[in-house]
Amino acid sequence: MKDLLLYIAKNLVDDPDAVNVTQIEGENETVLELRVAEGDMGKVIGRQGRIAKEIRTLIKSVAMKSGKRVSVEIVD
């Protein structure tokens, strides 16, 4: 999941070198924290959060296929 999120985020932003994903394992689910450059935050979130919502939906659907629970947090 981490690699998929990195791939998606790097293709959305202007500064792909600043993209960082941290994976935090919890008891019931895994949390992926996405960090991007300050100027690219709007590109990852999108208008009214549409892109962020689609990223979360895509990651959750891939995770469910493998029987895992994953959530995505976009951190500044």
N, C-alpha and C. Protein backbone atom coordinates (compact mmCIF):
# COMPACT_ATOMS: atom_id res chain seq x y z
N MET A 1 0.81 -1.19 0.00
CA MET A 1 0.00 0.00 0.00
C MET A 1 0.86 1.26 0.00
N LYS A 2 1.94 1.21 0.77
CA LYS A 2 2.83 2.37 0.87
C LYS A 2 3.39 2.75 -0.50
N ASP A 3 3.80 1.74 -1.26
CA ASP A 3 4.37 2.00 -2.59
C ASP A 3 3.33 2.58 -3.53
N LEU A 4 2.10 2.09 -3.45
CA LEU A 4 1.03 2.61 -4.29
C LEU A 4 0.75 4.07 -3.97
N LEU A 5 0.69 4.41 -2.69
CA LEU A 5 0.45 5.79 -2.28
C LEU A 5 1.59 6.70 -2.73
N LEU A 6 2.82 6.23 -2.60
CA LEU A 6 3.98 7.00 -3.08
C LEU A 6 3.88 7.26 -4.57
N TYR A 7 3.52 6.24 -5.32
CA TYR A 7 3.41 6.36 -6.78
C TYR A 7 2.35 7.39 -7.16
N ILE A 8 1.19 7.31 -6.53
CA ILE A 8 0.09 8.24 -6.84
C ILE A 8 0.50 9.67 -6.50
N ALA A 9 1.04 9.87 -5.30
CA ALA A 9 1.39 11.21 -4.83
C ALA A 9 2.50 11.82 -5.68
N LYS A 10 3.51 11.05 -6.02
CA LYS A 10 4.62 11.58 -6.80
C LYS A 10 4.18 12.02 -8.19
N ASN A 11 3.15 11.38 -8.74
CA ASN A 11 2.67 11.76 -10.06
C ASN A 11 1.71 12.95 -10.01
N LEU A 12 1.26 13.35 -8.85
CA LEU A 12 0.35 14.49 -8.72
C LEU A 12 1.08 15.81 -8.46
N VAL A 13 2.23 15.75 -7.81
CA VAL A 13 2.89 16.97 -7.32
C VAL A 13 3.98 17.47 -8.27
N ASP A 14 4.41 18.72 -8.03
CA ASP A 14 5.51 19.32 -8.81
C ASP A 14 6.87 18.92 -8.26
N ASP A 15 6.94 18.64 -6.95
CA ASP A 15 8.21 18.29 -6.30
C ASP A 15 8.13 16.86 -5.76
N PRO A 16 8.33 15.85 -6.62
CA PRO A 16 8.18 14.46 -6.18
C PRO A 16 9.22 14.03 -5.14
N ASP A 17 10.34 14.73 -5.06
CA ASP A 17 11.37 14.36 -4.08
C ASP A 17 10.94 14.68 -2.65
N ALA A 18 9.97 15.58 -2.49
CA ALA A 18 9.51 15.97 -1.15
C ALA A 18 8.41 15.05 -0.63
N VAL A 19 7.96 14.11 -1.44
CA VAL A 19 6.88 13.21 -1.00
C VAL A 19 7.45 12.18 -0.04
N ASN A 20 6.74 12.00 1.09
CA ASN A 20 7.17 11.05 2.10
C ASN A 20 5.94 10.35 2.66
N VAL A 21 6.01 9.03 2.77
CA VAL A 21 4.92 8.25 3.35
C VAL A 21 5.46 7.48 4.54
N THR A 22 4.80 7.64 5.69
CA THR A 22 5.16 6.93 6.91
C THR A 22 4.07 5.92 7.21
N GLN A 23 4.47 4.68 7.45
CA GLN A 23 3.51 3.60 7.74
C GLN A 23 3.51 3.33 9.24
N ILE A 24 2.34 3.45 9.85
CA ILE A 24 2.20 3.21 11.29
C ILE A 24 1.27 2.03 11.48
N GLU A 25 1.80 0.96 12.06
CA GLU A 25 1.02 -0.26 12.28
C GLU A 25 0.25 -0.14 13.59
N GLY A 26 -1.05 -0.32 13.53
CA GLY A 26 -1.89 -0.31 14.71
C GLY A 26 -2.41 -1.71 14.98
N GLU A 27 -3.24 -1.85 16.01
CA GLU A 27 -3.80 -3.16 16.33
C GLU A 27 -4.76 -3.64 15.25
N ASN A 28 -5.65 -2.75 14.83
CA ASN A 28 -6.68 -3.13 13.88
C ASN A 28 -6.45 -2.64 12.47
N GLU A 29 -5.68 -1.58 12.33
CA GLU A 29 -5.47 -1.03 11.00
C GLU A 29 -4.10 -0.39 10.87
N THR A 30 -3.72 -0.16 9.64
CA THR A 30 -2.47 0.51 9.32
C THR A 30 -2.79 1.93 8.88
N VAL A 31 -2.03 2.89 9.38
CA VAL A 31 -2.22 4.28 9.00
C VAL A 31 -1.04 4.70 8.13
N LEU A 32 -1.35 5.26 6.97
CA LEU A 32 -0.32 5.79 6.08
C LEU A 32 -0.39 7.31 6.16
N GLU A 33 0.69 7.94 6.60
CA GLU A 33 0.76 9.40 6.68
C GLU A 33 1.50 9.92 5.46
N LEU A 34 0.82 10.76 4.70
CA LEU A 34 1.38 11.33 3.48
C LEU A 34 1.82 12.76 3.74
N ARG A 35 3.09 13.05 3.43
CA ARG A 35 3.62 14.40 3.55
C ARG A 35 4.14 14.83 2.19
N VAL A 36 3.77 16.05 1.80
CA VAL A 36 4.24 16.62 0.53
C VAL A 36 4.75 18.03 0.80
N ALA A 37 5.38 18.64 -0.21
CA ALA A 37 5.86 20.02 -0.07
C ALA A 37 4.66 20.94 0.15
N GLU A 38 4.90 22.04 0.84
CA GLU A 38 3.82 22.95 1.19
C GLU A 38 3.07 23.47 -0.04
N GLY A 39 3.77 23.74 -1.11
CA GLY A 39 3.14 24.24 -2.33
C GLY A 39 2.33 23.20 -3.07
N ASP A 40 2.57 21.94 -2.79
CA ASP A 40 1.86 20.85 -3.47
C ASP A 40 0.66 20.33 -2.68
N MET A 41 0.42 20.87 -1.51
CA MET A 41 -0.66 20.38 -0.67
C MET A 41 -2.02 20.47 -1.38
N GLY A 42 -2.24 21.56 -2.08
CA GLY A 42 -3.51 21.74 -2.79
C GLY A 42 -3.71 20.74 -3.91
N LYS A 43 -2.63 20.32 -4.53
CA LYS A 43 -2.73 19.35 -5.62
C LYS A 43 -3.10 17.97 -5.11
N VAL A 44 -2.67 17.65 -3.91
CA VAL A 44 -2.97 16.34 -3.33
C VAL A 44 -4.39 16.33 -2.74
N ILE A 45 -4.81 17.46 -2.19
CA ILE A 45 -6.15 17.53 -1.60
C ILE A 45 -7.21 17.75 -2.66
N GLY A 46 -6.97 18.65 -3.59
CA GLY A 46 -7.92 18.92 -4.66
C GLY A 46 -9.05 19.83 -4.21
N ARG A 47 -9.89 20.19 -5.16
CA ARG A 47 -11.03 21.05 -4.85
C ARG A 47 -12.02 20.29 -3.98
N GLN A 48 -12.37 20.91 -2.88
CA GLN A 48 -13.31 20.36 -1.91
C GLN A 48 -12.90 18.95 -1.45
N GLY A 49 -11.60 18.67 -1.52
CA GLY A 49 -11.08 17.39 -1.02
C GLY A 49 -11.35 16.21 -1.92
N ARG A 50 -11.69 16.45 -3.17
CA ARG A 50 -12.05 15.35 -4.08
C ARG A 50 -10.90 14.40 -4.36
N ILE A 51 -9.71 14.94 -4.62
CA ILE A 51 -8.57 14.08 -4.93
C ILE A 51 -8.18 13.27 -3.70
N ALA A 52 -8.16 13.91 -2.54
CA ALA A 52 -7.83 13.20 -1.29
C ALA A 52 -8.82 12.07 -1.05
N LYS A 53 -10.08 12.34 -1.29
CA LYS A 53 -11.12 11.32 -1.09
C LYS A 53 -10.91 10.14 -2.05
N GLU A 54 -10.58 10.42 -3.29
CA GLU A 54 -10.35 9.35 -4.26
C GLU A 54 -9.10 8.54 -3.93
N ILE A 55 -8.06 9.21 -3.44
CA ILE A 55 -6.84 8.50 -3.02
C ILE A 55 -7.19 7.54 -1.88
N ARG A 56 -7.94 8.03 -0.90
CA ARG A 56 -8.33 7.18 0.23
C ARG A 56 -9.19 6.00 -0.23
N THR A 57 -10.12 6.26 -1.14
CA THR A 57 -10.98 5.19 -1.65
C THR A 57 -10.17 4.13 -2.38
N LEU A 58 -9.23 4.56 -3.20
CA LEU A 58 -8.39 3.62 -3.95
C LEU A 58 -7.53 2.77 -3.02
N ILE A 59 -6.89 3.39 -2.04
CA ILE A 59 -6.04 2.65 -1.11
C ILE A 59 -6.88 1.67 -0.28
N LYS A 60 -8.05 2.11 0.18
CA LYS A 60 -8.91 1.22 0.97
C LYS A 60 -9.37 0.02 0.16
N SER A 61 -9.72 0.24 -1.11
CA SER A 61 -10.21 -0.88 -1.92
C SER A 61 -9.10 -1.89 -2.19
N VAL A 62 -7.89 -1.43 -2.43
CA VAL A 62 -6.76 -2.34 -2.64
C VAL A 62 -6.45 -3.09 -1.34
N ALA A 63 -6.53 -2.40 -0.21
CA ALA A 63 -6.26 -3.03 1.08
C ALA A 63 -7.31 -4.08 1.41
N MET A 64 -8.56 -3.81 1.09
CA MET A 64 -9.63 -4.77 1.39
C MET A 64 -9.45 -6.07 0.60
N LYS A 65 -8.92 -5.95 -0.62
CA LYS A 65 -8.67 -7.16 -1.42
C LYS A 65 -7.67 -8.08 -0.74
N SER A 66 -6.73 -7.48 -0.02
CA SER A 66 -5.73 -8.29 0.68
C SER A 66 -6.12 -8.54 2.14
N GLY A 67 -7.33 -8.14 2.52
CA GLY A 67 -7.83 -8.43 3.85
C GLY A 67 -7.27 -7.54 4.95
N LYS A 68 -6.85 -6.34 4.60
CA LYS A 68 -6.28 -5.41 5.58
C LYS A 68 -7.14 -4.16 5.70
N ARG A 69 -6.95 -3.44 6.79
CA ARG A 69 -7.60 -2.14 6.96
C ARG A 69 -6.53 -1.07 6.94
N VAL A 70 -6.64 -0.14 6.00
CA VAL A 70 -5.65 0.91 5.84
C VAL A 70 -6.36 2.24 5.73
N SER A 71 -5.83 3.25 6.41
CA SER A 71 -6.37 4.61 6.25
C SER A 71 -5.23 5.54 5.86
N VAL A 72 -5.59 6.61 5.16
CA VAL A 72 -4.59 7.56 4.67
C VAL A 72 -4.85 8.90 5.34
N GLU A 73 -3.79 9.48 5.91
CA GLU A 73 -3.85 10.82 6.49
C GLU A 73 -2.87 11.71 5.77
N ILE A 74 -3.35 12.89 5.37
CA ILE A 74 -2.49 13.86 4.72
C ILE A 74 -2.05 14.85 5.78
N VAL A 75 -0.75 14.90 6.05
CA VAL A 75 -0.19 15.68 7.15
C VAL A 75 0.60 16.85 6.59
N ASP A 76 0.49 18.04 7.25
CA ASP A 76 1.29 19.16 6.79
C ASP A 76 2.59 19.24 7.53
